[in-house]
Amino acid sequence: MAPASTLEYLFGDLLALARLSWVRQMADRLGQLGYRDYRRSDAAALRLLRRGPVPVGRLGAGLGVTRQAARKIADGLEQRDYARTERDARDSRVLNVVLTTAGTAYAQAVIEVIQALNREFCQRVDPAQLIAADTVLRAVLADDSSLRDAASAIRPPR
């Protein structure tokens, strides 16, 4: 008789693979639209920047990263001509990140791809499974206050 497996369920590995798949699908679809330089940080950053100029520090807080990491994200968007940085008119110590015309178009493409992927995924699973998955993902975030706070802005499925 074979011994019972002692391997634990590798939830984190499966979660990481799912995230990798999502990022690849985003990159593939955006590439088909002419945006061949998608980066993982683009989706969240662009959605924040679509609302208007955002100080680098607030961009970091909104993404759940340090100011230094937010500056790298802004630099990456700037190098690809999707954003520019400029001093705030009211406080020259503040550096704002602002979308360019190309960045606004890219942001719209990213949002459309996200919406399409979300719709397709939701059509493949039962609503009860979607609610269960949402519950599990929020449990993963429970001990990370900055990401938990960001997730609280995402409506749970109905």
C-alpha atoms as a PDB file:
ATOM      1  CA  MET A   1       0.000   0.000   0.000  1.00  0.00           C
ATOM      2  CA  ALA A   2       1.415   3.409  -1.018  1.00  0.00           C
ATOM      3  CA  PRO A   3       1.891   5.964   1.754  1.00  0.00           C
ATOM      4  CA  ALA A   4      -0.522   8.886   1.805  1.00  0.00           C
ATOM      5  CA  SER A   5       0.825  12.071   0.305  1.00  0.00           C
ATOM      6  CA  THR A   6       2.125  14.514   2.869  1.00  0.00           C
ATOM      7  CA  LEU A   7       2.320  17.432   0.460  1.00  0.00           C
ATOM      8  CA  GLU A   8       0.255  20.379   1.517  1.00  0.00           C
ATOM      9  CA  TYR A   9      -1.977  22.217  -0.913  1.00  0.00           C
ATOM     10  CA  LEU A  10       0.186  24.875  -2.571  1.00  0.00           C
ATOM     11  CA  PHE A  11      -2.373  27.680  -2.709  1.00  0.00           C
ATOM     12  CA  GLY A  12       0.255  30.417  -3.027  1.00  0.00           C
ATOM     13  CA  ASP A  13       1.843  28.716  -6.011  1.00  0.00           C
ATOM     14  CA  LEU A  14      -1.515  28.381  -7.737  1.00  0.00           C
ATOM     15  CA  LEU A  15      -2.341  32.016  -6.947  1.00  0.00           C
ATOM     16  CA  ALA A  16       1.003  33.139  -8.390  1.00  0.00           C
ATOM     17  CA  LEU A  17       0.411  31.094 -11.558  1.00  0.00           C
ATOM     18  CA  ALA A  18      -3.073  32.582 -11.936  1.00  0.00           C
ATOM     19  CA  ARG A  19      -1.642  36.106 -11.606  1.00  0.00           C
ATOM     20  CA  LEU A  20       1.059  35.297 -14.148  1.00  0.00           C
ATOM     21  CA  SER A  21      -1.586  34.005 -16.557  1.00  0.00           C
ATOM     22  CA  TRP A  22      -3.675  37.171 -16.098  1.00  0.00           C
ATOM     23  CA  VAL A  23      -0.640  39.401 -16.769  1.00  0.00           C
ATOM     24  CA  ARG A  24       0.254  37.381 -19.864  1.00  0.00           C
ATOM     25  CA  GLN A  25      -3.293  37.634 -21.176  1.00  0.00           C
ATOM     26  CA  MET A  26      -3.246  41.390 -20.560  1.00  0.00           C
ATOM     27  CA  ALA A  27       0.082  41.722 -22.379  1.00  0.00           C
ATOM     28  CA  ASP A  28      -1.071  39.569 -25.308  1.00  0.00           C
ATOM     29  CA  ARG A  29      -4.301  41.493 -25.816  1.00  0.00           C
ATOM     30  CA  LEU A  30      -2.660  44.883 -25.426  1.00  0.00           C
ATOM     31  CA  GLY A  31       0.047  43.771 -27.854  1.00  0.00           C
ATOM     32  CA  GLN A  32      -2.660  42.987 -30.398  1.00  0.00           C
ATOM     33  CA  LEU A  33      -3.873  46.574 -29.928  1.00  0.00           C
ATOM     34  CA  GLY A  34      -0.379  47.936 -30.601  1.00  0.00           C
ATOM     35  CA  TYR A  35       0.779  48.277 -26.991  1.00  0.00           C
ATOM     36  CA  ARG A  36       3.638  45.780 -26.917  1.00  0.00           C
ATOM     37  CA  ASP A  37       5.302  47.141 -23.798  1.00  0.00           C
ATOM     38  CA  TYR A  38       2.770  46.326 -21.055  1.00  0.00           C
ATOM     39  CA  ARG A  39       4.169  46.107 -17.528  1.00  0.00           C
ATOM     40  CA  ARG A  40       2.442  44.594 -14.488  1.00  0.00           C
ATOM     41  CA  SER A  41       2.258  47.936 -12.714  1.00  0.00           C
ATOM     42  CA  ASP A  42       0.621  49.721 -15.657  1.00  0.00           C
ATOM     43  CA  ALA A  43      -2.990  48.720 -15.027  1.00  0.00           C
ATOM     44  CA  ALA A  44      -3.283  50.051 -11.489  1.00  0.00           C
ATOM     45  CA  ALA A  45      -1.133  53.132 -12.145  1.00  0.00           C
ATOM     46  CA  LEU A  46      -3.022  54.133 -15.271  1.00  0.00           C
ATOM     47  CA  ARG A  47      -6.396  53.768 -13.589  1.00  0.00           C
ATOM     48  CA  LEU A  48      -5.250  56.128 -10.821  1.00  0.00           C
ATOM     49  CA  LEU A  49      -3.734  58.608 -13.248  1.00  0.00           C
ATOM     50  CA  ARG A  50      -6.833  58.713 -15.460  1.00  0.00           C
ATOM     51  CA  ARG A  51      -8.529  60.775 -12.739  1.00  0.00           C
ATOM     52  CA  GLY A  52      -5.983  63.563 -13.124  1.00  0.00           C
ATOM     53  CA  PRO A  53      -2.509  64.527 -11.900  1.00  0.00           C
ATOM     54  CA  VAL A  54      -1.317  62.455  -8.945  1.00  0.00           C
ATOM     55  CA  PRO A  55       1.629  63.287  -6.683  1.00  0.00           C
ATOM     56  CA  VAL A  56       4.281  60.560  -6.718  1.00  0.00           C
ATOM     57  CA  GLY A  57       3.758  59.870  -2.999  1.00  0.00           C
ATOM     58  CA  ARG A  58       0.000  59.444  -3.436  1.00  0.00           C
ATOM     59  CA  LEU A  59       0.589  57.210  -6.457  1.00  0.00           C
ATOM     60  CA  GLY A  60       2.715  54.978  -4.229  1.00  0.00           C
ATOM     61  CA  ALA A  61       0.084  54.914  -1.500  1.00  0.00           C
ATOM     62  CA  GLY A  62      -2.623  54.083  -4.049  1.00  0.00           C
ATOM     63  CA  LEU A  63      -0.562  51.220  -5.439  1.00  0.00           C
ATOM     64  CA  GLY A  64       0.549  49.955  -2.027  1.00  0.00           C
ATOM     65  CA  VAL A  65       4.236  50.617  -2.775  1.00  0.00           C
ATOM     66  CA  THR A  66       6.913  52.982  -1.528  1.00  0.00           C
ATOM     67  CA  ARG A  67       7.429  56.456  -2.934  1.00  0.00           C
ATOM     68  CA  GLN A  68      10.668  55.178  -4.511  1.00  0.00           C
ATOM     69  CA  ALA A  69       8.823  52.335  -6.251  1.00  0.00           C
ATOM     70  CA  ALA A  70       6.127  54.760  -7.407  1.00  0.00           C
ATOM     71  CA  ARG A  71       8.837  56.969  -8.884  1.00  0.00           C
ATOM     72  CA  LYS A  72      10.193  53.973 -10.841  1.00  0.00           C
ATOM     73  CA  ILE A  73       6.689  53.272 -12.152  1.00  0.00           C
ATOM     74  CA  ALA A  74       6.288  56.928 -13.148  1.00  0.00           C
ATOM     75  CA  ASP A  75       9.710  56.871 -14.823  1.00  0.00           C
ATOM     76  CA  GLY A  76       8.712  53.776 -16.795  1.00  0.00           C
ATOM     77  CA  LEU A  77       5.516  55.449 -17.988  1.00  0.00           C
ATOM     78  CA  GLU A  78       7.492  58.578 -18.831  1.00  0.00           C
ATOM     79  CA  GLN A  79      10.127  56.664 -20.820  1.00  0.00           C
ATOM     80  CA  ARG A  80       7.351  55.140 -22.916  1.00  0.00           C
ATOM     81  CA  ASP A  81       5.702  58.573 -23.422  1.00  0.00           C
ATOM     82  CA  TYR A  82       2.569  57.618 -21.478  1.00  0.00           C
ATOM     83  CA  ALA A  83       3.132  60.157 -18.705  1.00  0.00           C
ATOM     84  CA  ARG A  84       5.154  63.170 -17.741  1.00  0.00           C
ATOM     85  CA  THR A  85       6.119  64.615 -14.373  1.00  0.00           C
ATOM     86  CA  GLU A  86       5.698  68.228 -13.440  1.00  0.00           C
ATOM     87  CA  ARG A  87       5.945  70.355 -10.339  1.00  0.00           C
ATOM     88  CA  ASP A  88       2.660  71.141  -8.645  1.00  0.00           C
ATOM     89  CA  ALA A  89       1.513  74.730  -9.338  1.00  0.00           C
ATOM     90  CA  ARG A  90       0.608  75.279  -5.648  1.00  0.00           C
ATOM     91  CA  ASP A  91       3.561  73.500  -4.031  1.00  0.00           C
ATOM     92  CA  SER A  92       6.813  73.161  -5.964  1.00  0.00           C
ATOM     93  CA  ARG A  93       7.989  70.420  -3.580  1.00  0.00           C
ATOM     94  CA  VAL A  94       5.282  68.129  -4.968  1.00  0.00           C
ATOM     95  CA  LEU A  95       6.006  66.195  -8.154  1.00  0.00           C
ATOM     96  CA  ASN A  96       2.831  65.236 -10.041  1.00  0.00           C
ATOM     97  CA  VAL A  97       2.514  62.448 -12.568  1.00  0.00           C
ATOM     98  CA  VAL A  98       0.264  63.373 -15.498  1.00  0.00           C
ATOM     99  CA  LEU A  99      -0.896  61.202 -18.386  1.00  0.00           C
ATOM    100  CA  THR A 100      -0.002  62.290 -21.902  1.00  0.00           C
ATOM    101  CA  THR A 101      -2.442  61.951 -24.787  1.00  0.00           C
ATOM    102  CA  ALA A 102      -0.799  58.608 -25.624  1.00  0.00           C
ATOM    103  CA  GLY A 103      -1.080  57.607 -21.957  1.00  0.00           C
ATOM    104  CA  THR A 104      -4.785  58.416 -21.882  1.00  0.00           C
ATOM    105  CA  ALA A 105      -5.337  56.205 -24.954  1.00  0.00           C
ATOM    106  CA  TYR A 106      -3.225  53.441 -23.371  1.00  0.00           C
ATOM    107  CA  ALA A 107      -5.199  53.724 -20.124  1.00  0.00           C
ATOM    108  CA  GLN A 108      -8.444  53.321 -22.056  1.00  0.00           C
ATOM    109  CA  ALA A 109      -7.088  50.239 -23.838  1.00  0.00           C
ATOM    110  CA  VAL A 110      -5.955  48.734 -20.517  1.00  0.00           C
ATOM    111  CA  ILE A 111      -9.393  49.307 -18.981  1.00  0.00           C
ATOM    112  CA  GLU A 112     -11.151  47.743 -21.957  1.00  0.00           C
ATOM    113  CA  VAL A 113      -8.902  44.668 -21.807  1.00  0.00           C
ATOM    114  CA  ILE A 114      -9.465  44.311 -18.055  1.00  0.00           C
ATOM    115  CA  GLN A 115     -13.226  44.565 -18.538  1.00  0.00           C
ATOM    116  CA  ALA A 116     -13.160  41.940 -21.291  1.00  0.00           C
ATOM    117  CA  LEU A 117     -11.053  39.528 -19.220  1.00  0.00           C
ATOM    118  CA  ASN A 118     -13.309  40.048 -16.196  1.00  0.00           C
ATOM    119  CA  ARG A 119     -16.460  39.402 -18.260  1.00  0.00           C
ATOM    120  CA  GLU A 120     -15.003  36.262 -19.829  1.00  0.00           C
ATOM    121  CA  PHE A 121     -13.846  34.901 -16.484  1.00  0.00           C
ATOM    122  CA  CYS A 122     -17.180  35.594 -14.787  1.00  0.00           C
ATOM    123  CA  GLN A 123     -18.984  33.773 -17.593  1.00  0.00           C
ATOM    124  CA  ARG A 124     -16.827  30.664 -17.053  1.00  0.00           C
ATOM    125  CA  VAL A 125     -17.585  30.229 -13.356  1.00  0.00           C
ATOM    126  CA  ASP A 126     -20.700  29.830 -11.289  1.00  0.00           C
ATOM    127  CA  PRO A 127     -21.654  32.977  -9.292  1.00  0.00           C
ATOM    128  CA  ALA A 128     -21.275  31.035  -6.022  1.00  0.00           C
ATOM    129  CA  GLN A 129     -17.717  30.063  -7.043  1.00  0.00           C
ATOM    130  CA  LEU A 130     -16.949  33.687  -7.783  1.00  0.00           C
ATOM    131  CA  ILE A 131     -18.182  34.734  -4.333  1.00  0.00           C
ATOM    132  CA  ALA A 132     -16.081  31.990  -2.736  1.00  0.00           C
ATOM    133  CA  ALA A 133     -12.994  33.036  -4.707  1.00  0.00           C
ATOM    134  CA  ASP A 134     -13.516  36.655  -3.648  1.00  0.00           C
ATOM    135  CA  THR A 135     -13.737  35.572  -0.015  1.00  0.00           C
ATOM    136  CA  VAL A 136     -10.516  33.563  -0.281  1.00  0.00           C
ATOM    137  CA  LEU A 137      -8.614  36.380  -2.011  1.00  0.00           C
ATOM    138  CA  ARG A 138      -9.712  38.891   0.627  1.00  0.00           C
ATOM    139  CA  ALA A 139      -8.541  36.448   3.322  1.00  0.00           C
ATOM    140  CA  VAL A 140      -5.113  36.391   1.650  1.00  0.00           C
ATOM    141  CA  LEU A 141      -5.012  40.194   1.939  1.00  0.00           C
ATOM    142  CA  ALA A 142      -6.257  40.311   5.535  1.00  0.00           C
ATOM    143  CA  ASP A 143      -2.832  40.777   7.129  1.00  0.00           C
ATOM    144  CA  ASP A 144      -1.560  43.408   4.676  1.00  0.00           C
ATOM    145  CA  SER A 145      -3.191  46.679   5.644  1.00  0.00           C
ATOM    146  CA  SER A 146      -2.089  48.705   2.606  1.00  0.00           C
ATOM    147  CA  LEU A 147      -3.323  46.115   0.104  1.00  0.00           C
ATOM    148  CA  ARG A 148      -6.385  45.257   2.179  1.00  0.00           C
ATOM    149  CA  ASP A 149      -7.341  48.929   2.102  1.00  0.00           C
ATOM    150  CA  ALA A 150      -6.874  49.042  -1.676  1.00  0.00           C
ATOM    151  CA  ALA A 151      -8.973  45.852  -2.036  1.00  0.00           C
ATOM    152  CA  SER A 152     -11.760  47.363   0.054  1.00  0.00           C
ATOM    153  CA  ALA A 153     -12.414  49.730  -2.857  1.00  0.00           C
ATOM    154  CA  ILE A 154     -13.229  46.713  -5.064  1.00  0.00           C
ATOM    155  CA  ARG A 155     -16.858  45.712  -4.854  1.00  0.00           C
ATOM    156  CA  PRO A 156     -17.433  42.041  -4.063  1.00  0.00           C
ATOM    157  CA  PRO A 157     -19.427  40.039  -6.620  1.00  0.00           C
ATOM    158  CA  ARG A 158     -23.187  39.967  -6.329  1.00  0.00           C
END
